[in-house]
Amino acid sequence: MEKPGLDLELLEHNGARPVQFEPQQTIFSEGETGKVMYLVRDGQVALSIDGELVATL
């Protein structure tokens, strides 16, 4: 049985909009209240805690 993929059209229909970031640009900072959800479609994201890299996705 094939697993369903992510339906980007459905996300856009419900208000999701594509956003692009420059390399090394901060998307959000530790401690900020979350207001949106991000989905990485292409590229990588570095995650840090207290300024220390903990993961690259």
PDB file of N, CA and C in Angstrom:
ATOM      1  N   MET A   1       0.852  -1.182   0.000  1.00  0.00           N
ATOM      2  CA  MET A   1       0.000   0.000   0.000  1.00  0.00           C
ATOM      3  C   MET A   1       0.894   1.240   0.000  1.00  0.00           C
ATOM      4  N   GLU A   2       0.603   2.150  -0.892  1.00  0.00           N
ATOM      5  CA  GLU A   2       1.388   3.370  -1.017  1.00  0.00           C
ATOM      6  C   GLU A   2       1.010   4.377   0.061  1.00  0.00           C
ATOM      7  N   LYS A   3       2.030   4.992   0.676  1.00  0.00           N
ATOM      8  CA  LYS A   3       1.769   6.007   1.696  1.00  0.00           C
ATOM      9  C   LYS A   3       1.406   7.326   1.022  1.00  0.00           C
ATOM     10  N   PRO A   4       0.419   8.030   1.559  1.00  0.00           N
ATOM     11  CA  PRO A   4       0.061   9.317   0.956  1.00  0.00           C
ATOM     12  C   PRO A   4       1.169  10.330   1.173  1.00  0.00           C
ATOM     13  N   GLY A   5       1.389  11.178   0.180  1.00  0.00           N
ATOM     14  CA  GLY A   5       2.378  12.242   0.290  1.00  0.00           C
ATOM     15  C   GLY A   5       1.759  13.490   0.887  1.00  0.00           C
ATOM     16  N   LEU A   6       2.572  14.488   1.045  1.00  0.00           N
ATOM     17  CA  LEU A   6       2.117  15.762   1.564  1.00  0.00           C
ATOM     18  C   LEU A   6       1.356  16.491   0.458  1.00  0.00           C
ATOM     19  N   ASP A   7       0.150  16.902   0.722  1.00  0.00           N
ATOM     20  CA  ASP A   7      -0.675  17.586  -0.265  1.00  0.00           C
ATOM     21  C   ASP A   7      -0.455  19.093  -0.161  1.00  0.00           C
ATOM     22  N   LEU A   8       0.495  19.618  -0.950  1.00  0.00           N
ATOM     23  CA  LEU A   8       0.819  21.039  -0.895  1.00  0.00           C
ATOM     24  C   LEU A   8      -0.347  21.913  -1.352  1.00  0.00           C
ATOM     25  N   GLU A   9      -1.135  21.429  -2.296  1.00  0.00           N
ATOM     26  CA  GLU A   9      -2.304  22.195  -2.738  1.00  0.00           C
ATOM     27  C   GLU A   9      -3.304  22.359  -1.604  1.00  0.00           C
ATOM     28  N   LEU A  10      -3.496  21.317  -0.820  1.00  0.00           N
ATOM     29  CA  LEU A  10      -4.409  21.385   0.316  1.00  0.00           C
ATOM     30  C   LEU A  10      -3.891  22.386   1.348  1.00  0.00           C
ATOM     31  N   LEU A  11      -2.575  22.365   1.613  1.00  0.00           N
ATOM     32  CA  LEU A  11      -1.991  23.339   2.542  1.00  0.00           C
ATOM     33  C   LEU A  11      -2.226  24.767   2.054  1.00  0.00           C
ATOM     34  N   GLU A  12      -1.971  25.015   0.772  1.00  0.00           N
ATOM     35  CA  GLU A  12      -2.168  26.353   0.218  1.00  0.00           C
ATOM     36  C   GLU A  12      -3.640  26.760   0.260  1.00  0.00           C
ATOM     37  N   HIS A  13      -4.524  25.816  -0.003  1.00  0.00           N
ATOM     38  CA  HIS A  13      -5.967  26.105   0.058  1.00  0.00           C
ATOM     39  C   HIS A  13      -6.376  26.546   1.463  1.00  0.00           C
ATOM     40  N   ASN A  14      -5.673  26.040   2.464  1.00  0.00           N
ATOM     41  CA  ASN A  14      -5.996  26.363   3.849  1.00  0.00           C
ATOM     42  C   ASN A  14      -5.140  27.489   4.417  1.00  0.00           C
ATOM     43  N   GLY A  15      -4.496  28.248   3.543  1.00  0.00           N
ATOM     44  CA  GLY A  15      -3.809  29.452   3.985  1.00  0.00           C
ATOM     45  C   GLY A  15      -2.300  29.378   4.060  1.00  0.00           C
ATOM     46  N   ALA A  16      -1.695  28.206   3.832  1.00  0.00           N
ATOM     47  CA  ALA A  16      -0.229  28.109   3.860  1.00  0.00           C
ATOM     48  C   ALA A  16       0.342  28.830   2.650  1.00  0.00           C
ATOM     49  N   ARG A  17       1.418  29.551   2.858  1.00  0.00           N
ATOM     50  CA  ARG A  17       2.065  30.285   1.785  1.00  0.00           C
ATOM     51  C   ARG A  17       3.557  29.986   1.776  1.00  0.00           C
ATOM     52  N   PRO A  18       4.143  29.804   0.575  1.00  0.00           N
ATOM     53  CA  PRO A  18       5.582  29.563   0.493  1.00  0.00           C
ATOM     54  C   PRO A  18       6.382  30.769   0.981  1.00  0.00           C
ATOM     55  N   VAL A  19       7.466  30.503   1.680  1.00  0.00           N
ATOM     56  CA  VAL A  19       8.367  31.548   2.169  1.00  0.00           C
ATOM     57  C   VAL A  19       9.785  31.091   1.866  1.00  0.00           C
ATOM     58  N   GLN A  20      10.624  32.018   1.416  1.00  0.00           N
ATOM     59  CA  GLN A  20      12.024  31.688   1.164  1.00  0.00           C
ATOM     60  C   GLN A  20      12.902  32.479   2.122  1.00  0.00           C
ATOM     61  N   PHE A  21      13.985  31.862   2.552  1.00  0.00           N
ATOM     62  CA  PHE A  21      14.938  32.505   3.446  1.00  0.00           C
ATOM     63  C   PHE A  21      16.315  32.462   2.811  1.00  0.00           C
ATOM     64  N   GLU A  22      17.110  33.453   3.123  1.00  0.00           N
ATOM     65  CA  GLU A  22      18.485  33.506   2.652  1.00  0.00           C
ATOM     66  C   GLU A  22      19.355  32.593   3.505  1.00  0.00           C
ATOM     67  N   PRO A  23      20.474  32.112   2.947  1.00  0.00           N
ATOM     68  CA  PRO A  23      21.396  31.319   3.759  1.00  0.00           C
ATOM     69  C   PRO A  23      21.834  32.106   5.000  1.00  0.00           C
ATOM     70  N   GLN A  24      21.899  31.435   6.126  1.00  0.00           N
ATOM     71  CA  GLN A  24      22.312  32.000   7.418  1.00  0.00           C
ATOM     72  C   GLN A  24      21.273  32.943   8.041  1.00  0.00           C
ATOM     73  N   GLN A  25      20.128  33.121   7.408  1.00  0.00           N
ATOM     74  CA  GLN A  25      19.081  33.990   7.956  1.00  0.00           C
ATOM     75  C   GLN A  25      18.391  33.292   9.123  1.00  0.00           C
ATOM     76  N   THR A  26      18.165  34.014  10.206  1.00  0.00           N
ATOM     77  CA  THR A  26      17.439  33.472  11.353  1.00  0.00           C
ATOM     78  C   THR A  26      15.953  33.454  11.029  1.00  0.00           C
ATOM     79  N   ILE A  27      15.328  32.301  11.193  1.00  0.00           N
ATOM     80  CA  ILE A  27      13.891  32.147  10.932  1.00  0.00           C
ATOM     81  C   ILE A  27      13.101  32.483  12.189  1.00  0.00           C
ATOM     82  N   PHE A  28      13.538  31.959  13.319  1.00  0.00           N
ATOM     83  CA  PHE A  28      12.977  32.329  14.612  1.00  0.00           C
ATOM     84  C   PHE A  28      14.033  32.038  15.666  1.00  0.00           C
ATOM     85  N   SER A  29      13.869  32.630  16.816  1.00  0.00           N
ATOM     86  CA  SER A  29      14.867  32.485  17.876  1.00  0.00           C
ATOM     87  C   SER A  29      14.307  31.726  19.070  1.00  0.00           C
ATOM     88  N   GLU A  30      15.204  31.069  19.764  1.00  0.00           N
ATOM     89  CA  GLU A  30      14.847  30.331  20.969  1.00  0.00           C
ATOM     90  C   GLU A  30      14.114  31.252  21.943  1.00  0.00           C
ATOM     91  N   GLY A  31      13.012  30.765  22.494  1.00  0.00           N
ATOM     92  CA  GLY A  31      12.246  31.542  23.461  1.00  0.00           C
ATOM     93  C   GLY A  31      11.091  32.315  22.860  1.00  0.00           C
ATOM     94  N   GLU A  32      11.067  32.503  21.536  1.00  0.00           N
ATOM     95  CA  GLU A  32       9.952  33.211  20.908  1.00  0.00           C
ATOM     96  C   GLU A  32       8.693  32.335  20.935  1.00  0.00           C
ATOM     97  N   THR A  33       7.557  32.972  21.107  1.00  0.00           N
ATOM     98  CA  THR A  33       6.283  32.259  21.057  1.00  0.00           C
ATOM     99  C   THR A  33       5.990  31.882  19.614  1.00  0.00           C
ATOM    100  N   GLY A  34       5.657  30.616  19.395  1.00  0.00           N
ATOM    101  CA  GLY A  34       5.347  30.149  18.045  1.00  0.00           C
ATOM    102  C   GLY A  34       4.039  30.724  17.535  1.00  0.00           C
ATOM    103  N   LYS A  35       4.076  31.239  16.303  1.00  0.00           N
ATOM    104  CA  LYS A  35       2.867  31.790  15.687  1.00  0.00           C
ATOM    105  C   LYS A  35       2.542  31.098  14.371  1.00  0.00           C
ATOM    106  N   VAL A  36       3.530  30.422  13.803  1.00  0.00           N
ATOM    107  CA  VAL A  36       3.341  29.726  12.533  1.00  0.00           C
ATOM    108  C   VAL A  36       4.105  28.406  12.571  1.00  0.00           C
ATOM    109  N   MET A  37       3.839  27.571  11.582  1.00  0.00           N
ATOM    110  CA  MET A  37       4.559  26.314  11.433  1.00  0.00           C
ATOM    111  C   MET A  37       5.311  26.373  10.112  1.00  0.00           C
ATOM    112  N   TYR A  38       6.550  25.891  10.110  1.00  0.00           N
ATOM    113  CA  TYR A  38       7.349  25.871   8.894  1.00  0.00           C
ATOM    114  C   TYR A  38       7.544  24.442   8.418  1.00  0.00           C
ATOM    115  N   LEU A  39       7.516  24.274   7.112  1.00  0.00           N
ATOM    116  CA  LEU A  39       7.786  23.001   6.462  1.00  0.00           C
ATOM    117  C   LEU A  39       8.972  23.234   5.539  1.00  0.00           C
ATOM    118  N   VAL A  40      10.037  22.484   5.712  1.00  0.00           N
ATOM    119  CA  VAL A  40      11.212  22.631   4.860  1.00  0.00           C
ATOM    120  C   VAL A  40      11.016  21.767   3.620  1.00  0.00           C
ATOM    121  N   ARG A  41      10.842  22.425   2.481  1.00  0.00           N
ATOM    122  CA  ARG A  41      10.649  21.704   1.218  1.00  0.00           C
ATOM    123  C   ARG A  41      11.954  21.493   0.483  1.00  0.00           C
ATOM    124  N   ASP A  42      12.912  22.391   0.693  1.00  0.00           N
ATOM    125  CA  ASP A  42      14.171  22.320  -0.026  1.00  0.00           C
ATOM    126  C   ASP A  42      15.254  22.986   0.817  1.00  0.00           C
ATOM    127  N   GLY A  43      16.427  22.426   0.825  1.00  0.00           N
ATOM    128  CA  GLY A  43      17.521  23.023   1.574  1.00  0.00           C
ATOM    129  C   GLY A  43      17.675  22.402   2.947  1.00  0.00           C
ATOM    130  N   GLN A  44      18.368  23.125   3.823  1.00  0.00           N
ATOM    131  CA  GLN A  44      18.634  22.637   5.169  1.00  0.00           C
ATOM    132  C   GLN A  44      18.340  23.723   6.191  1.00  0.00           C
ATOM    133  N   VAL A  45      18.107  23.284   7.409  1.00  0.00           N
ATOM    134  CA  VAL A  45      17.876  24.189   8.534  1.00  0.00           C
ATOM    135  C   VAL A  45      18.775  23.749   9.682  1.00  0.00           C
ATOM    136  N   ALA A  46      19.476  24.698  10.275  1.00  0.00           N
ATOM    137  CA  ALA A  46      20.319  24.412  11.437  1.00  0.00           C
ATOM    138  C   ALA A  46      19.551  24.790  12.695  1.00  0.00           C
ATOM    139  N   LEU A  47      19.547  23.888  13.673  1.00  0.00           N
ATOM    140  CA  LEU A  47      18.868  24.132  14.949  1.00  0.00           C
ATOM    141  C   LEU A  47      19.911  24.267  16.044  1.00  0.00           C
ATOM    142  N   SER A  48      19.765  25.310  16.876  1.00  0.00           N
ATOM    143  CA  SER A  48      20.719  25.493  17.966  1.00  0.00           C
ATOM    144  C   SER A  48      19.989  25.780  19.270  1.00  0.00           C
ATOM    145  N   ILE A  49      20.637  25.411  20.367  1.00  0.00           N
ATOM    146  CA  ILE A  49      20.147  25.695  21.708  1.00  0.00           C
ATOM    147  C   ILE A  49      21.273  26.408  22.437  1.00  0.00           C
ATOM    148  N   ASP A  50      20.943  27.557  23.013  1.00  0.00           N
ATOM    149  CA  ASP A  50      21.956  28.381  23.704  1.00  0.00           C
ATOM    150  C   ASP A  50      23.163  28.643  22.807  1.00  0.00           C
ATOM    151  N   GLY A  51      22.902  28.829  21.497  1.00  0.00           N
ATOM    152  CA  GLY A  51      23.958  29.157  20.564  1.00  0.00           C
ATOM    153  C   GLY A  51      24.793  27.981  20.084  1.00  0.00           C
ATOM    154  N   GLU A  52      24.483  26.763  20.560  1.00  0.00           N
ATOM    155  CA  GLU A  52      25.238  25.574  20.167  1.00  0.00           C
ATOM    156  C   GLU A  52      24.424  24.749  19.178  1.00  0.00           C
ATOM    157  N   LEU A  53      25.014  24.427  18.039  1.00  0.00           N
ATOM    158  CA  LEU A  53      24.347  23.623  17.024  1.00  0.00           C
ATOM    159  C   LEU A  53      23.995  22.251  17.581  1.00  0.00           C
ATOM    160  N   VAL A  54      22.728  21.871  17.475  1.00  0.00           N
ATOM    161  CA  VAL A  54      22.297  20.552  17.967  1.00  0.00           C
ATOM    162  C   VAL A  54      21.807  19.640  16.846  1.00  0.00           C
ATOM    163  N   ALA A  55      21.432  20.221  15.697  1.00  0.00           N
ATOM    164  CA  ALA A  55      20.973  19.397  14.575  1.00  0.00           C
ATOM    165  C   ALA A  55      20.948  20.220  13.295  1.00  0.00           C
ATOM    166  N   THR A  56      21.129  19.540  12.205  1.00  0.00           N
ATOM    167  CA  THR A  56      20.922  20.117  10.878  1.00  0.00           C
ATOM    168  C   THR A  56      19.924  19.226  10.157  1.00  0.00           C
ATOM    169  N   LEU A  57      18.839  19.812   9.724  1.00  0.00           N
ATOM    170  CA  LEU A  57      17.777  19.043   9.057  1.00  0.00           C
ATOM    171  C   LEU A  57      17.719  19.426   7.592  1.00  0.00           C
TER     172      LEU A  57
END
